[in-house]
Amino acid sequence: MTASKTVIYDTIAEGFHALSDPIRIQVLELLRSQELRVCEICQYLEITQSKLSFHLKTLKEVGLVRTRHEGRGIYYSLNLPQFIVLEQ
């Protein structure tokens, strides 16, 4: 097995591991229709910001979400190309 295939397999495994938590699935479902700030996601899911931050960090580390800074706010959205990698 080549080193590049190992990296791809690791990326896929990490992506599916990130999808194994119900809260992260709910976050992704919310982001399907629009980008949202952390406070908005917290309100929808009725969880604390500290708990959500852990899940957003996990999703961002595997590339499933991306961030955009605007003023003091951070907006989260889906990183659709990464979902294509997992789908393939």
N, C-alpha and C. Protein backbone atom coordinates (compact mmCIF):
# COMPACT_ATOMS: atom_id res chain seq x y z
N MET A 1 0.85 -1.17 0.00
CA MET A 1 0.00 0.00 0.00
C MET A 1 0.90 1.23 0.00
N THR A 2 0.53 2.20 -0.82
CA THR A 2 1.34 3.42 -0.91
C THR A 2 1.00 4.37 0.22
N ALA A 3 1.92 5.29 0.46
CA ALA A 3 1.73 6.27 1.53
C ALA A 3 0.51 7.14 1.26
N SER A 4 0.27 7.50 -0.01
CA SER A 4 -0.87 8.36 -0.32
C SER A 4 -2.19 7.65 -0.07
N LYS A 5 -2.25 6.34 -0.34
CA LYS A 5 -3.48 5.59 -0.04
C LYS A 5 -3.71 5.50 1.46
N THR A 6 -2.64 5.35 2.21
CA THR A 6 -2.77 5.31 3.67
C THR A 6 -3.35 6.61 4.19
N VAL A 7 -2.88 7.74 3.65
CA VAL A 7 -3.41 9.04 4.06
C VAL A 7 -4.89 9.15 3.72
N ILE A 8 -5.26 8.71 2.53
CA ILE A 8 -6.67 8.77 2.12
C ILE A 8 -7.52 7.91 3.05
N TYR A 9 -7.07 6.69 3.34
CA TYR A 9 -7.82 5.81 4.22
C TYR A 9 -7.95 6.39 5.62
N ASP A 10 -6.88 7.01 6.11
CA ASP A 10 -6.93 7.65 7.42
C ASP A 10 -7.94 8.81 7.42
N THR A 11 -7.94 9.59 6.36
CA THR A 11 -8.87 10.72 6.24
C THR A 11 -10.31 10.23 6.23
N ILE A 12 -10.57 9.17 5.50
CA ILE A 12 -11.92 8.61 5.44
C ILE A 12 -12.34 8.08 6.81
N ALA A 13 -11.46 7.35 7.47
CA ALA A 13 -11.78 6.79 8.79
C ALA A 13 -12.06 7.90 9.80
N GLU A 14 -11.25 8.95 9.78
CA GLU A 14 -11.46 10.07 10.70
C GLU A 14 -12.79 10.78 10.40
N GLY A 15 -13.11 10.91 9.13
CA GLY A 15 -14.38 11.54 8.76
C GLY A 15 -15.58 10.76 9.27
N PHE A 16 -15.55 9.44 9.08
CA PHE A 16 -16.67 8.63 9.56
C PHE A 16 -16.71 8.58 11.08
N HIS A 17 -15.56 8.62 11.73
CA HIS A 17 -15.55 8.68 13.18
C HIS A 17 -16.23 9.97 13.66
N ALA A 18 -15.95 11.08 12.99
CA ALA A 18 -16.58 12.36 13.36
C ALA A 18 -18.09 12.30 13.17
N LEU A 19 -18.54 11.49 12.24
CA LEU A 19 -19.97 11.36 11.99
C LEU A 19 -20.67 10.41 12.95
N SER A 20 -19.92 9.82 13.88
CA SER A 20 -20.49 8.81 14.76
C SER A 20 -21.19 9.37 15.99
N ASP A 21 -21.26 10.68 16.12
CA ASP A 21 -21.89 11.28 17.30
C ASP A 21 -23.19 11.98 16.90
N PRO A 22 -24.28 11.73 17.61
CA PRO A 22 -25.57 12.34 17.26
C PRO A 22 -25.55 13.87 17.26
N ILE A 23 -24.83 14.48 18.17
CA ILE A 23 -24.79 15.95 18.19
C ILE A 23 -24.12 16.47 16.93
N ARG A 24 -23.04 15.83 16.52
CA ARG A 24 -22.36 16.29 15.30
C ARG A 24 -23.24 16.10 14.07
N ILE A 25 -24.01 15.04 14.04
CA ILE A 25 -24.96 14.82 12.93
C ILE A 25 -25.99 15.95 12.93
N GLN A 26 -26.49 16.33 14.10
CA GLN A 26 -27.47 17.42 14.19
C GLN A 26 -26.86 18.74 13.72
N VAL A 27 -25.61 18.99 14.08
CA VAL A 27 -24.93 20.21 13.64
C VAL A 27 -24.86 20.23 12.11
N LEU A 28 -24.45 19.13 11.53
CA LEU A 28 -24.33 19.06 10.07
C LEU A 28 -25.70 19.24 9.40
N GLU A 29 -26.72 18.69 10.00
CA GLU A 29 -28.07 18.85 9.45
C GLU A 29 -28.48 20.32 9.46
N LEU A 30 -28.18 21.02 10.54
CA LEU A 30 -28.49 22.46 10.60
C LEU A 30 -27.73 23.25 9.54
N LEU A 31 -26.49 22.86 9.30
CA LEU A 31 -25.65 23.59 8.36
C LEU A 31 -25.95 23.25 6.90
N ARG A 32 -26.79 22.26 6.67
CA ARG A 32 -27.14 21.91 5.29
C ARG A 32 -27.83 23.05 4.56
N SER A 33 -28.58 23.85 5.28
CA SER A 33 -29.38 24.89 4.62
C SER A 33 -28.78 26.29 4.73
N GLN A 34 -27.87 26.50 5.69
CA GLN A 34 -27.32 27.84 5.86
C GLN A 34 -26.11 27.81 6.78
N GLU A 35 -25.28 28.84 6.66
CA GLU A 35 -24.19 28.98 7.62
C GLU A 35 -24.75 29.60 8.89
N LEU A 36 -24.17 29.21 10.01
CA LEU A 36 -24.67 29.66 11.30
C LEU A 36 -23.52 30.02 12.23
N ARG A 37 -23.80 30.91 13.18
CA ARG A 37 -22.84 31.22 14.23
C ARG A 37 -23.02 30.22 15.37
N VAL A 38 -22.00 30.14 16.20
CA VAL A 38 -22.03 29.21 17.33
C VAL A 38 -23.26 29.44 18.20
N CYS A 39 -23.54 30.69 18.51
CA CYS A 39 -24.68 30.98 19.39
C CYS A 39 -26.00 30.50 18.79
N GLU A 40 -26.12 30.58 17.47
CA GLU A 40 -27.35 30.12 16.82
C GLU A 40 -27.46 28.59 16.88
N ILE A 41 -26.35 27.91 16.66
CA ILE A 41 -26.36 26.45 16.74
C ILE A 41 -26.69 26.00 18.16
N CYS A 42 -26.13 26.68 19.15
CA CYS A 42 -26.43 26.38 20.56
C CYS A 42 -27.92 26.50 20.83
N GLN A 43 -28.53 27.55 20.31
CA GLN A 43 -29.96 27.76 20.53
C GLN A 43 -30.79 26.65 19.89
N TYR A 44 -30.47 26.30 18.66
CA TYR A 44 -31.21 25.25 17.97
C TYR A 44 -31.11 23.91 18.70
N LEU A 45 -29.91 23.58 19.15
CA LEU A 45 -29.67 22.28 19.77
C LEU A 45 -29.89 22.26 21.28
N GLU A 46 -30.03 23.45 21.85
CA GLU A 46 -30.23 23.59 23.30
C GLU A 46 -29.08 22.94 24.08
N ILE A 47 -27.84 23.29 23.68
CA ILE A 47 -26.66 22.82 24.39
C ILE A 47 -25.77 24.01 24.70
N THR A 48 -24.84 23.81 25.62
CA THR A 48 -23.94 24.89 26.01
C THR A 48 -22.89 25.13 24.92
N GLN A 49 -22.33 26.33 24.96
CA GLN A 49 -21.31 26.68 23.98
C GLN A 49 -20.05 25.83 24.15
N SER A 50 -19.70 25.51 25.38
CA SER A 50 -18.49 24.70 25.60
C SER A 50 -18.67 23.29 25.03
N LYS A 51 -19.84 22.72 25.20
CA LYS A 51 -20.10 21.39 24.65
C LYS A 51 -20.10 21.44 23.12
N LEU A 52 -20.72 22.46 22.56
CA LEU A 52 -20.76 22.59 21.11
C LEU A 52 -19.36 22.82 20.54
N SER A 53 -18.55 23.62 21.21
CA SER A 53 -17.21 23.92 20.72
C SER A 53 -16.39 22.65 20.52
N PHE A 54 -16.52 21.69 21.43
CA PHE A 54 -15.83 20.43 21.30
C PHE A 54 -16.22 19.72 20.00
N HIS A 55 -17.52 19.69 19.72
CA HIS A 55 -18.02 19.00 18.53
C HIS A 55 -17.64 19.75 17.25
N LEU A 56 -17.70 21.07 17.28
CA LEU A 56 -17.30 21.85 16.11
C LEU A 56 -15.81 21.68 15.82
N LYS A 57 -15.02 21.60 16.87
CA LYS A 57 -13.57 21.39 16.70
C LYS A 57 -13.33 20.05 16.00
N THR A 58 -14.03 19.03 16.42
CA THR A 58 -13.89 17.71 15.82
C THR A 58 -14.27 17.75 14.34
N LEU A 59 -15.40 18.38 14.03
CA LEU A 59 -15.84 18.48 12.64
C LEU A 59 -14.88 19.29 11.79
N LYS A 60 -14.33 20.34 12.36
CA LYS A 60 -13.39 21.19 11.62
C LYS A 60 -12.07 20.46 11.39
N GLU A 61 -11.59 19.72 12.37
CA GLU A 61 -10.32 18.99 12.24
C GLU A 61 -10.34 17.98 11.09
N VAL A 62 -11.49 17.38 10.84
CA VAL A 62 -11.59 16.40 9.74
C VAL A 62 -12.07 17.05 8.45
N GLY A 63 -12.27 18.36 8.49
CA GLY A 63 -12.60 19.10 7.28
C GLY A 63 -14.05 19.07 6.86
N LEU A 64 -14.95 18.64 7.73
CA LEU A 64 -16.36 18.59 7.36
C LEU A 64 -17.05 19.95 7.45
N VAL A 65 -16.51 20.84 8.26
CA VAL A 65 -17.05 22.20 8.32
C VAL A 65 -15.90 23.19 8.12
N ARG A 66 -16.28 24.36 7.68
CA ARG A 66 -15.30 25.44 7.52
C ARG A 66 -15.82 26.66 8.27
N THR A 67 -14.93 27.59 8.53
CA THR A 67 -15.30 28.79 9.27
C THR A 67 -15.04 30.03 8.43
N ARG A 68 -15.81 31.04 8.76
CA ARG A 68 -15.63 32.35 8.15
C ARG A 68 -15.77 33.37 9.26
N HIS A 69 -14.78 34.24 9.38
CA HIS A 69 -14.81 35.27 10.42
C HIS A 69 -15.40 36.55 9.85
N GLU A 70 -16.33 37.11 10.61
CA GLU A 70 -16.92 38.39 10.24
C GLU A 70 -17.09 39.20 11.52
N GLY A 71 -16.31 40.25 11.64
CA GLY A 71 -16.31 41.01 12.89
C GLY A 71 -15.86 40.12 14.02
N ARG A 72 -16.66 40.08 15.07
CA ARG A 72 -16.33 39.22 16.21
C ARG A 72 -16.99 37.86 16.11
N GLY A 73 -17.79 37.65 15.07
CA GLY A 73 -18.50 36.39 14.92
C GLY A 73 -17.76 35.40 14.04
N ILE A 74 -17.97 34.12 14.32
CA ILE A 74 -17.44 33.05 13.50
C ILE A 74 -18.64 32.29 12.94
N TYR A 75 -18.68 32.19 11.62
CA TYR A 75 -19.76 31.49 10.94
C TYR A 75 -19.27 30.12 10.49
N TYR A 76 -20.10 29.11 10.69
CA TYR A 76 -19.78 27.74 10.29
C TYR A 76 -20.64 27.35 9.11
N SER A 77 -20.04 26.60 8.19
CA SER A 77 -20.76 26.07 7.04
C SER A 77 -20.17 24.71 6.68
N LEU A 78 -20.90 23.97 5.84
CA LEU A 78 -20.42 22.67 5.41
C LEU A 78 -19.28 22.84 4.41
N ASN A 79 -18.35 21.93 4.47
CA ASN A 79 -17.28 21.85 3.48
C ASN A 79 -17.65 20.72 2.53
N LEU A 80 -18.46 21.03 1.52
CA LEU A 80 -19.03 20.00 0.66
C LEU A 80 -18.00 19.13 -0.04
N PRO A 81 -16.86 19.65 -0.51
CA PRO A 81 -15.88 18.76 -1.14
C PRO A 81 -15.41 17.61 -0.24
N GLN A 82 -15.35 17.84 1.05
CA GLN A 82 -14.92 16.77 1.96
C GLN A 82 -15.98 15.66 2.03
N PHE A 83 -17.24 16.03 1.92
CA PHE A 83 -18.30 15.01 1.92
C PHE A 83 -18.21 14.14 0.66
N ILE A 84 -17.79 14.74 -0.44
CA ILE A 84 -17.60 13.99 -1.68
C ILE A 84 -16.50 12.94 -1.50
N VAL A 85 -15.43 13.32 -0.81
CA VAL A 85 -14.35 12.37 -0.54
C VAL A 85 -14.89 11.19 0.26
N LEU A 86 -15.70 11.45 1.26
CA LEU A 86 -16.26 10.37 2.08
C LEU A 86 -17.23 9.52 1.27
N GLU A 87 -17.97 10.16 0.39
CA GLU A 87 -18.94 9.44 -0.41
C GLU A 87 -18.27 8.45 -1.37
N GLN A 88 -17.14 8.87 -1.91
CA GLN A 88 -16.45 8.02 -2.89
C GLN A 88 -15.83 6.84 -2.18
